[in-house]
Amino acid sequence: MANTIEKVIAETFLEMAEGLETGSFGKKPKIALTGMGSEHGEENAMAAALDAAKSGVDVYYIGSLEAEGVTTVKATDDEDGHDKMDDLLDSGAIDGAVTMHYPFPIGVSTVGRCITPALGKEMFIANTTGTSSTDRIEGMILNAIYGIITAKACGIAEPTVGILNVDGARQAEKALKKLQDGGYPIKFAESSRADGGCVMRGNDVLRGTPDIMVMDSLTGNVITKMLSSYTTGGSFEASGFGYGPGIGENYDKLIMIVSRASGAPVIANAMRFAGQLIKGKVFEIAKAEFAAAKAAGLDAIRADLKAAQEKAGAPKEEVKAPPAEIVTAQIPGIEVMDLEDAVQALWKENIYAESGMGCTGPIVRISEANKEKAVEILKNAGYVS
């Protein structure tokens, strides 16, 4: 009994000493890194492992190299390394893993984390790899929730959300604001551009205006690559935290993605990111966020979106334009895919309208006299929020 107590005391003092040295107190998260497959050689991955080990991460290195300060799990090649990683995760021997590729199921995608160049601000990119949904708009809605989960697990209690001005942004905005109206606490960011709004411009990417920038994962992948390697010509990802953790409803494996082009600084940051998520209890937060979103009507919003798309695919009645008039007023905030339908919705109400493209995206053009009524019609029809 005395020996057991002495062992506990010794381990406690050792943890305290390591905490003072690294600034990280408590049990160290156990994070594995698959080191084979990097375009910069296995030594690049080992350098990252050693860096992460100095900052409060218990590192399991999966590969052929060994070094003091990390635990090496021998692997013969990239495929064998992934098998070893899965075994360690499934057995509970490690808390999470960082790897260069992983076949996530549909419904799971990764939330990246970058350092923006204009102000050196950290920003989460939702999302960067994987597929939240086979439907683009539904995927972006889920990406926003995944981003909130990740940001909260990293200690941001009320992260701000912006939506990048890509196809589907306006529809995603309407759905997320409907979710907010239902009681889900989304805090929207305001664009740094003069016209504001939660739909973000390229300037906002560079400035890191929101804590979470929502987009489709293909765009997110490109944005991550550009922000991480714009100073190196693209061959070496030198900045940021990689492509982030796979997040999804009822998904409980912490697997972080980096690129074969990721340099040691990014890989080391990804491992620290993983440790932060473990300490922040990311999976508990995920359960709570999904429960809150569902209580606010997430499932109904997704069903309505599907129904609207089915309706859009049905044959449309022919609507004739009313007599033309001078159109100097503009209504922005309409999804490009809905633009012609919005125009015809106004024609049905005997309001002459034309489609156009403004500096911030698609617009409907009407006369100044008809603007107020037109806005009300388009709001009721769900084309603007």
Protein backbone atom coordinates (compact mmCIF):
# COMPACT_ATOMS: atom_id res chain seq x y z
CA MET A 1 0.00 0.00 0.00
CA ALA A 2 2.80 2.38 0.95
CA ASN A 3 4.57 1.68 -2.36
CA THR A 4 1.34 2.46 -4.28
CA ILE A 5 0.93 5.79 -2.49
CA GLU A 6 4.57 6.67 -3.10
CA LYS A 7 4.12 5.82 -6.80
CA VAL A 8 1.05 8.07 -7.08
CA ILE A 9 2.88 10.92 -5.33
CA ALA A 10 5.89 10.48 -7.62
CA GLU A 11 3.69 10.49 -10.73
CA THR A 12 1.86 13.58 -9.49
CA PHE A 13 5.10 15.48 -8.92
CA LEU A 14 6.35 14.34 -12.35
CA GLU A 15 3.17 15.68 -13.99
CA MET A 16 3.57 18.97 -12.10
CA ALA A 17 7.18 19.27 -13.21
CA GLU A 18 6.24 18.56 -16.84
CA GLY A 19 3.38 21.05 -16.57
CA LEU A 20 5.72 23.78 -15.35
CA GLU A 21 8.10 23.00 -18.19
CA THR A 22 5.49 22.79 -20.99
CA GLY A 23 2.67 24.94 -19.63
CA SER A 24 0.32 21.93 -19.92
CA PHE A 25 -1.01 20.47 -16.68
CA GLY A 26 -2.85 17.18 -16.13
CA LYS A 27 -2.68 13.92 -18.05
CA LYS A 28 -0.92 14.35 -21.37
CA PRO A 29 -3.02 13.44 -24.42
CA LYS A 30 -1.67 10.46 -26.35
CA ILE A 31 -1.48 11.37 -30.03
CA ALA A 32 -0.11 9.17 -32.81
CA LEU A 33 1.50 10.43 -36.00
CA THR A 34 1.90 8.37 -39.17
CA GLY A 35 5.24 9.50 -40.55
CA MET A 36 5.47 7.74 -43.90
CA GLY A 37 4.24 9.26 -47.14
CA SER A 38 5.37 12.87 -46.68
CA GLU A 39 6.75 14.63 -49.76
CA HIS A 40 9.42 16.06 -47.44
CA GLY A 41 10.63 12.70 -46.12
CA GLU A 42 10.06 10.84 -42.90
CA GLU A 43 12.57 13.05 -41.10
CA ASN A 44 10.16 15.98 -41.53
CA ALA A 45 7.46 14.05 -39.67
CA MET A 46 9.84 13.00 -36.89
CA ALA A 47 10.92 16.62 -36.41
CA ALA A 48 7.25 17.50 -35.89
CA ALA A 49 6.82 14.64 -33.43
CA LEU A 50 9.77 15.81 -31.34
CA ASP A 51 8.48 19.40 -31.38
CA ALA A 52 5.01 18.32 -30.22
CA ALA A 53 6.50 16.11 -27.50
CA LYS A 54 8.12 19.19 -25.95
CA SER A 55 4.75 20.90 -25.53
CA GLY A 56 2.65 18.50 -23.50
CA VAL A 57 1.78 15.77 -26.04
CA ASP A 58 2.59 12.09 -25.44
CA VAL A 59 3.66 11.20 -28.99
CA TYR A 60 3.39 7.80 -30.63
CA TYR A 61 5.37 7.90 -33.85
CA ILE A 62 4.30 5.31 -36.45
CA GLY A 63 7.08 4.71 -38.94
CA SER A 64 10.65 3.49 -39.25
CA LEU A 65 12.50 6.19 -37.28
CA GLU A 66 13.24 6.31 -33.56
CA ALA A 67 14.15 9.20 -31.28
CA GLU A 68 14.33 9.91 -27.58
CA GLY A 69 11.16 11.54 -26.28
CA VAL A 70 8.66 9.71 -28.51
CA THR A 71 7.35 6.14 -28.58
CA THR A 72 7.95 4.52 -31.97
CA VAL A 73 5.52 1.96 -33.36
CA LYS A 74 7.33 0.28 -36.23
CA ALA A 75 5.65 0.27 -39.64
CA THR A 76 6.93 -1.04 -42.95
CA ASP A 77 5.06 1.35 -45.25
CA ASP A 78 2.24 3.89 -45.43
CA GLU A 79 -0.53 1.25 -45.55
CA ASP A 80 0.91 -0.68 -42.61
CA GLY A 81 1.17 2.61 -40.71
CA HIS A 82 -2.54 3.28 -41.17
CA ASP A 83 -3.40 -0.23 -39.99
CA LYS A 84 -1.28 0.32 -36.86
CA MET A 85 -2.93 3.70 -36.28
CA ASP A 86 -6.42 2.17 -36.51
CA ASP A 87 -5.43 -0.61 -34.10
CA LEU A 88 -4.13 1.93 -31.56
CA LEU A 89 -7.30 4.00 -31.85
CA ASP A 90 -9.65 1.02 -31.61
CA SER A 91 -7.86 -0.36 -28.57
CA GLY A 92 -7.89 2.99 -26.77
CA ALA A 93 -4.09 3.02 -26.51
CA ILE A 94 -4.09 6.53 -28.00
CA ASP A 95 -6.54 9.45 -27.76
CA GLY A 96 -6.18 10.64 -31.33
CA ALA A 97 -4.03 10.55 -34.44
CA VAL A 98 -2.57 12.81 -37.10
CA THR A 99 -2.27 11.36 -40.58
CA MET A 100 -1.94 12.42 -44.22
CA HIS A 101 -5.14 10.88 -45.57
CA TYR A 102 -8.12 8.95 -44.24
CA PRO A 103 -11.33 7.51 -45.78
CA PHE A 104 -13.97 9.26 -43.67
CA PRO A 105 -17.56 8.10 -44.16
CA ILE A 106 -20.13 10.43 -45.76
CA GLY A 107 -21.35 12.75 -43.02
CA VAL A 108 -17.88 13.30 -41.57
CA SER A 109 -15.57 16.11 -42.69
CA THR A 110 -12.64 18.01 -41.26
CA VAL A 111 -12.49 21.48 -39.73
CA GLY A 112 -9.22 23.20 -40.60
CA ARG A 113 -7.43 25.86 -38.62
CA CYS A 114 -5.24 28.50 -40.19
CA ILE A 115 -3.36 31.67 -39.35
CA THR A 116 -4.57 34.47 -41.57
CA PRO A 117 -1.89 36.68 -43.17
CA ALA A 118 -3.34 40.18 -42.74
CA LEU A 119 -3.60 40.25 -38.94
CA GLY A 120 -2.05 36.94 -37.86
CA LYS A 121 -5.41 35.80 -36.51
CA GLU A 122 -6.39 32.15 -36.12
CA MET A 123 -9.49 31.09 -38.04
CA PHE A 124 -11.31 27.77 -38.37
CA ILE A 125 -12.16 26.69 -41.92
CA ALA A 126 -15.35 24.65 -42.09
CA ASN A 127 -14.62 22.42 -43.88
CA THR A 128 -11.50 21.17 -45.66
CA THR A 129 -11.67 17.43 -46.49
CA GLY A 130 -14.36 14.77 -46.46
CA THR A 131 -18.06 15.19 -47.24
CA SER A 132 -20.63 16.36 -44.70
CA SER A 133 -23.45 15.70 -47.17
CA THR A 134 -23.81 14.82 -50.84
CA ASP A 135 -26.00 17.95 -51.08
CA ARG A 136 -23.95 21.16 -51.21
CA ILE A 137 -26.28 23.38 -49.13
CA GLU A 138 -26.97 20.77 -46.47
CA GLY A 139 -23.22 20.17 -46.28
CA MET A 140 -22.52 23.84 -45.59
CA ILE A 141 -25.20 23.93 -42.88
CA LEU A 142 -23.56 20.95 -41.19
CA ASN A 143 -20.10 22.46 -41.72
CA ALA A 144 -21.16 25.47 -39.65
CA ILE A 145 -22.16 23.18 -36.78
CA TYR A 146 -18.94 21.17 -37.10
CA GLY A 147 -16.96 24.41 -36.99
CA ILE A 148 -18.78 25.55 -33.85
CA ILE A 149 -18.06 22.20 -32.17
CA THR A 150 -14.35 22.45 -32.97
CA ALA A 151 -14.01 26.09 -31.93
CA LYS A 152 -15.79 25.49 -28.62
CA ALA A 153 -13.56 22.49 -27.88
CA CYS A 154 -10.60 24.85 -28.41
CA GLY A 155 -11.93 27.21 -25.75
CA ILE A 156 -13.93 29.78 -27.75
CA ALA A 157 -17.21 29.98 -25.85
CA GLU A 158 -19.15 31.99 -28.46
CA PRO A 159 -17.39 31.64 -31.81
CA THR A 160 -18.49 33.97 -34.60
CA VAL A 161 -19.62 32.41 -37.89
CA GLY A 162 -19.20 33.79 -41.39
CA ILE A 163 -20.16 32.17 -44.69
CA LEU A 164 -17.78 32.53 -47.64
CA ASN A 165 -19.43 34.04 -50.74
CA VAL A 166 -19.51 30.82 -52.79
CA ASP A 167 -22.39 29.04 -54.54
CA GLY A 168 -24.95 28.13 -51.90
CA ALA A 169 -23.88 30.81 -49.41
CA ARG A 170 -27.23 32.62 -49.39
CA GLN A 171 -29.23 29.43 -49.01
CA ALA A 172 -26.96 28.31 -46.19
CA GLU A 173 -27.37 31.73 -44.57
CA LYS A 174 -31.16 31.48 -44.67
CA ALA A 175 -31.11 27.97 -43.19
CA LEU A 176 -28.68 28.91 -40.42
CA LYS A 177 -30.69 32.00 -39.51
CA LYS A 178 -33.80 29.84 -39.37
CA LEU A 179 -31.89 27.52 -37.02
CA GLN A 180 -30.91 30.58 -34.96
CA ASP A 181 -34.57 31.69 -34.82
CA GLY A 182 -35.43 28.20 -33.55
CA GLY A 183 -33.14 28.71 -30.57
CA TYR A 184 -29.71 27.47 -31.69
CA PRO A 185 -27.22 30.11 -30.49
CA ILE A 186 -25.27 31.02 -33.62
CA LYS A 187 -23.33 34.27 -33.35
CA PHE A 188 -22.88 35.65 -36.88
CA ALA A 189 -19.84 37.69 -37.85
CA GLU A 190 -20.04 40.97 -39.78
CA SER A 191 -17.98 41.33 -42.94
CA SER A 192 -15.17 43.87 -42.72
CA ARG A 193 -16.43 45.38 -45.98
CA ALA A 194 -18.65 48.46 -45.81
CA ASP A 195 -21.86 46.61 -46.70
CA GLY A 196 -21.39 44.16 -43.79
CA GLY A 197 -23.50 41.02 -43.44
CA CYS A 198 -22.47 37.49 -42.51
CA VAL A 199 -21.58 36.51 -46.09
CA MET A 200 -17.82 37.00 -46.23
CA ARG A 201 -15.60 38.30 -49.03
CA GLY A 202 -12.04 37.36 -49.93
CA ASN A 203 -10.85 40.28 -47.80
CA ASP A 204 -12.43 38.60 -44.75
CA VAL A 205 -10.47 35.40 -45.44
CA LEU A 206 -7.20 37.33 -45.32
CA ARG A 207 -8.23 39.28 -42.22
CA GLY A 208 -9.77 36.35 -40.33
CA THR A 209 -12.98 38.31 -39.75
CA PRO A 210 -14.99 35.39 -38.30
CA ASP A 211 -13.75 32.73 -35.92
CA ILE A 212 -15.29 30.16 -38.29
CA MET A 213 -15.42 30.56 -42.07
CA VAL A 214 -18.05 28.24 -43.58
CA MET A 215 -17.75 26.89 -47.13
CA ASP A 216 -17.84 23.62 -49.08
CA SER A 217 -14.94 21.28 -48.39
CA LEU A 218 -13.38 21.53 -51.88
CA THR A 219 -13.10 25.31 -51.53
CA GLY A 220 -11.90 24.87 -47.95
CA ASN A 221 -9.17 22.55 -49.11
CA VAL A 222 -7.88 25.12 -51.60
CA ILE A 223 -8.09 27.96 -49.06
CA THR A 224 -6.14 25.90 -46.51
CA LYS A 225 -3.41 25.07 -48.99
CA MET A 226 -3.05 28.70 -50.05
CA LEU A 227 -2.97 30.14 -46.52
CA SER A 228 -0.48 27.52 -45.33
CA SER A 229 2.01 27.80 -48.19
CA TYR A 230 1.64 31.21 -49.84
CA THR A 231 5.10 32.24 -48.60
CA THR A 232 6.84 29.09 -49.89
CA GLY A 233 5.58 28.84 -53.43
CA GLY A 234 3.20 26.01 -52.58
CA SER A 235 5.60 23.11 -52.14
CA PHE A 236 5.92 23.37 -48.35
CA GLU A 237 3.01 24.09 -46.01
CA ALA A 238 4.66 26.21 -43.34
CA SER A 239 1.81 27.92 -41.46
CA GLY A 240 -1.32 26.85 -39.61
CA PHE A 241 -2.62 23.66 -38.02
CA GLY A 242 -3.50 21.51 -41.02
CA TYR A 243 -6.88 20.30 -42.22
CA GLY A 244 -8.22 19.46 -38.78
CA PRO A 245 -10.33 16.78 -37.12
CA GLY A 246 -13.03 14.68 -38.75
CA ILE A 247 -16.32 15.76 -37.15
CA GLY A 248 -19.75 14.18 -37.62
CA GLU A 249 -22.83 13.13 -35.71
CA ASN A 250 -22.04 10.10 -33.50
CA TYR A 251 -18.46 9.98 -34.85
CA ASP A 252 -16.04 9.43 -31.98
CA LYS A 253 -12.58 8.91 -33.52
CA LEU A 254 -10.22 11.84 -33.30
CA ILE A 255 -8.35 11.73 -36.61
CA MET A 256 -6.57 14.87 -37.75
CA ILE A 257 -5.55 15.43 -41.36
CA VAL A 258 -2.38 17.02 -42.67
CA SER A 259 -1.09 17.06 -46.24
CA ARG A 260 1.83 15.25 -47.82
CA ALA A 261 3.10 18.79 -48.44
CA SER A 262 2.78 19.80 -44.77
CA GLY A 263 6.00 20.88 -43.14
CA ALA A 264 7.11 20.02 -39.61
CA PRO A 265 5.66 23.25 -38.09
CA VAL A 266 2.17 22.46 -39.42
CA ILE A 267 2.30 18.80 -38.38
CA ALA A 268 3.47 19.73 -34.88
CA ASN A 269 0.65 22.27 -34.62
CA ALA A 270 -1.82 19.59 -35.76
CA MET A 271 -0.67 17.36 -32.90
CA ARG A 272 -1.05 20.19 -30.40
CA PHE A 273 -4.48 20.92 -31.94
CA ALA A 274 -5.41 17.27 -31.33
CA GLY A 275 -4.29 17.50 -27.71
CA GLN A 276 -6.35 20.66 -27.23
CA LEU A 277 -9.46 18.93 -28.61
CA ILE A 278 -8.99 15.98 -26.25
CA LYS A 279 -8.63 18.28 -23.24
CA GLY A 280 -11.58 20.31 -24.48
CA LYS A 281 -13.75 17.15 -24.63
CA VAL A 282 -14.67 17.57 -28.28
CA PHE A 283 -16.98 14.55 -28.44
CA GLU A 284 -19.01 15.68 -25.44
CA ILE A 285 -19.37 19.11 -27.05
CA ALA A 286 -20.40 17.45 -30.33
CA LYS A 287 -23.23 15.57 -28.62
CA ALA A 288 -24.45 18.74 -26.90
CA GLU A 289 -24.31 20.82 -30.10
CA PHE A 290 -26.16 18.25 -32.19
CA ALA A 291 -28.83 17.96 -29.49
CA ALA A 292 -29.23 21.75 -29.39
CA ALA A 293 -29.37 22.02 -33.19
CA LYS A 294 -31.98 19.28 -33.46
CA ALA A 295 -34.06 20.91 -30.73
CA ALA A 296 -33.93 24.12 -32.79
CA GLY A 297 -35.30 22.36 -35.87
CA LEU A 298 -32.24 21.08 -37.76
CA ASP A 299 -33.99 17.95 -39.06
CA ALA A 300 -36.99 19.96 -40.29
CA ILE A 301 -34.72 22.46 -42.03
CA ARG A 302 -32.90 19.63 -43.80
CA ALA A 303 -36.23 18.08 -44.84
CA ASP A 304 -37.52 21.44 -46.12
CA LEU A 305 -34.33 21.89 -48.13
CA LYS A 306 -34.78 18.50 -49.78
CA ALA A 307 -38.45 19.23 -50.54
CA ALA A 308 -37.56 22.61 -52.07
CA GLN A 309 -34.97 21.00 -54.32
CA GLU A 310 -37.45 18.37 -55.48
CA LYS A 311 -39.94 21.13 -56.23
CA ALA A 312 -37.28 23.06 -58.14
CA GLY A 313 -36.72 20.00 -60.32
CA ALA A 314 -40.40 19.84 -61.29
CA PRO A 315 -41.58 21.44 -64.56
CA LYS A 316 -42.09 25.19 -64.13
CA GLU A 317 -45.09 27.13 -65.35
CA GLU A 318 -44.40 29.77 -67.94
CA VAL A 319 -44.61 33.29 -66.53
CA LYS A 320 -44.69 36.32 -68.80
CA ALA A 321 -42.93 39.53 -67.83
CA PRO A 322 -45.06 42.58 -67.12
CA PRO A 323 -44.40 45.75 -69.16
CA ALA A 324 -40.79 46.87 -68.85
CA GLU A 325 -39.86 49.86 -66.73
CA ILE A 326 -36.69 51.59 -65.54
CA VAL A 327 -35.00 49.49 -62.86
CA THR A 328 -32.58 51.42 -60.65
CA ALA A 329 -33.18 49.73 -57.28
CA GLN A 330 -31.38 46.53 -56.28
CA ILE A 331 -32.18 43.60 -53.97
CA PRO A 332 -29.05 41.60 -53.05
CA GLY A 333 -28.69 38.42 -51.01
CA ILE A 334 -30.22 35.98 -53.51
CA GLU A 335 -28.57 32.67 -54.32
CA VAL A 336 -27.37 32.61 -57.94
CA MET A 337 -29.23 29.33 -58.53
CA ASP A 338 -32.49 31.00 -57.40
CA LEU A 339 -32.04 34.23 -59.32
CA GLU A 340 -34.34 33.61 -62.29
CA ASP A 341 -36.98 32.00 -60.05
CA ALA A 342 -36.93 35.12 -57.86
CA VAL A 343 -37.44 37.33 -60.91
CA GLN A 344 -40.40 35.23 -62.01
CA ALA A 345 -41.88 35.34 -58.51
CA LEU A 346 -42.06 39.11 -58.89
CA TRP A 347 -43.47 38.87 -62.41
CA LYS A 348 -46.32 36.76 -61.01
CA GLU A 349 -47.16 39.72 -58.76
CA ASN A 350 -47.08 42.06 -61.78
CA ILE A 351 -43.78 43.66 -60.71
CA TYR A 352 -41.27 44.08 -63.50
CA ALA A 353 -37.81 42.80 -62.50
CA GLU A 354 -34.48 41.88 -64.08
CA SER A 355 -31.64 39.71 -62.85
CA GLY A 356 -28.14 41.10 -62.56
CA MET A 357 -24.77 40.71 -60.90
CA GLY A 358 -23.53 43.28 -58.40
CA CYS A 359 -20.10 43.58 -56.82
CA THR A 360 -21.17 41.36 -53.91
CA GLY A 361 -23.05 38.78 -55.98
CA PRO A 362 -26.43 38.20 -57.68
CA ILE A 363 -29.08 40.92 -57.50
CA VAL A 364 -32.66 41.49 -58.62
CA ARG A 365 -33.23 44.90 -60.19
CA ILE A 366 -36.60 46.68 -59.83
CA SER A 367 -37.96 50.20 -59.89
CA GLU A 368 -37.51 52.38 -56.82
CA ALA A 369 -41.29 52.53 -56.43
CA ASN A 370 -41.60 48.74 -56.24
CA LYS A 371 -38.59 47.97 -54.05
CA GLU A 372 -40.31 47.72 -50.66
CA LYS A 373 -43.09 45.50 -51.98
CA ALA A 374 -40.63 43.35 -53.95
CA VAL A 375 -38.47 42.76 -50.86
CA GLU A 376 -41.54 41.63 -48.93
CA ILE A 377 -42.58 39.22 -51.72
CA LEU A 378 -39.09 37.71 -51.97
CA LYS A 379 -38.86 37.33 -48.19
CA ASN A 380 -42.19 35.54 -48.03
CA ALA A 381 -41.09 33.26 -50.88
CA GLY A 382 -37.82 32.46 -49.08
CA TYR A 383 -35.45 34.01 -51.62
CA VAL A 384 -33.97 36.56 -49.20
CA SER A 385 -33.64 36.53 -45.42
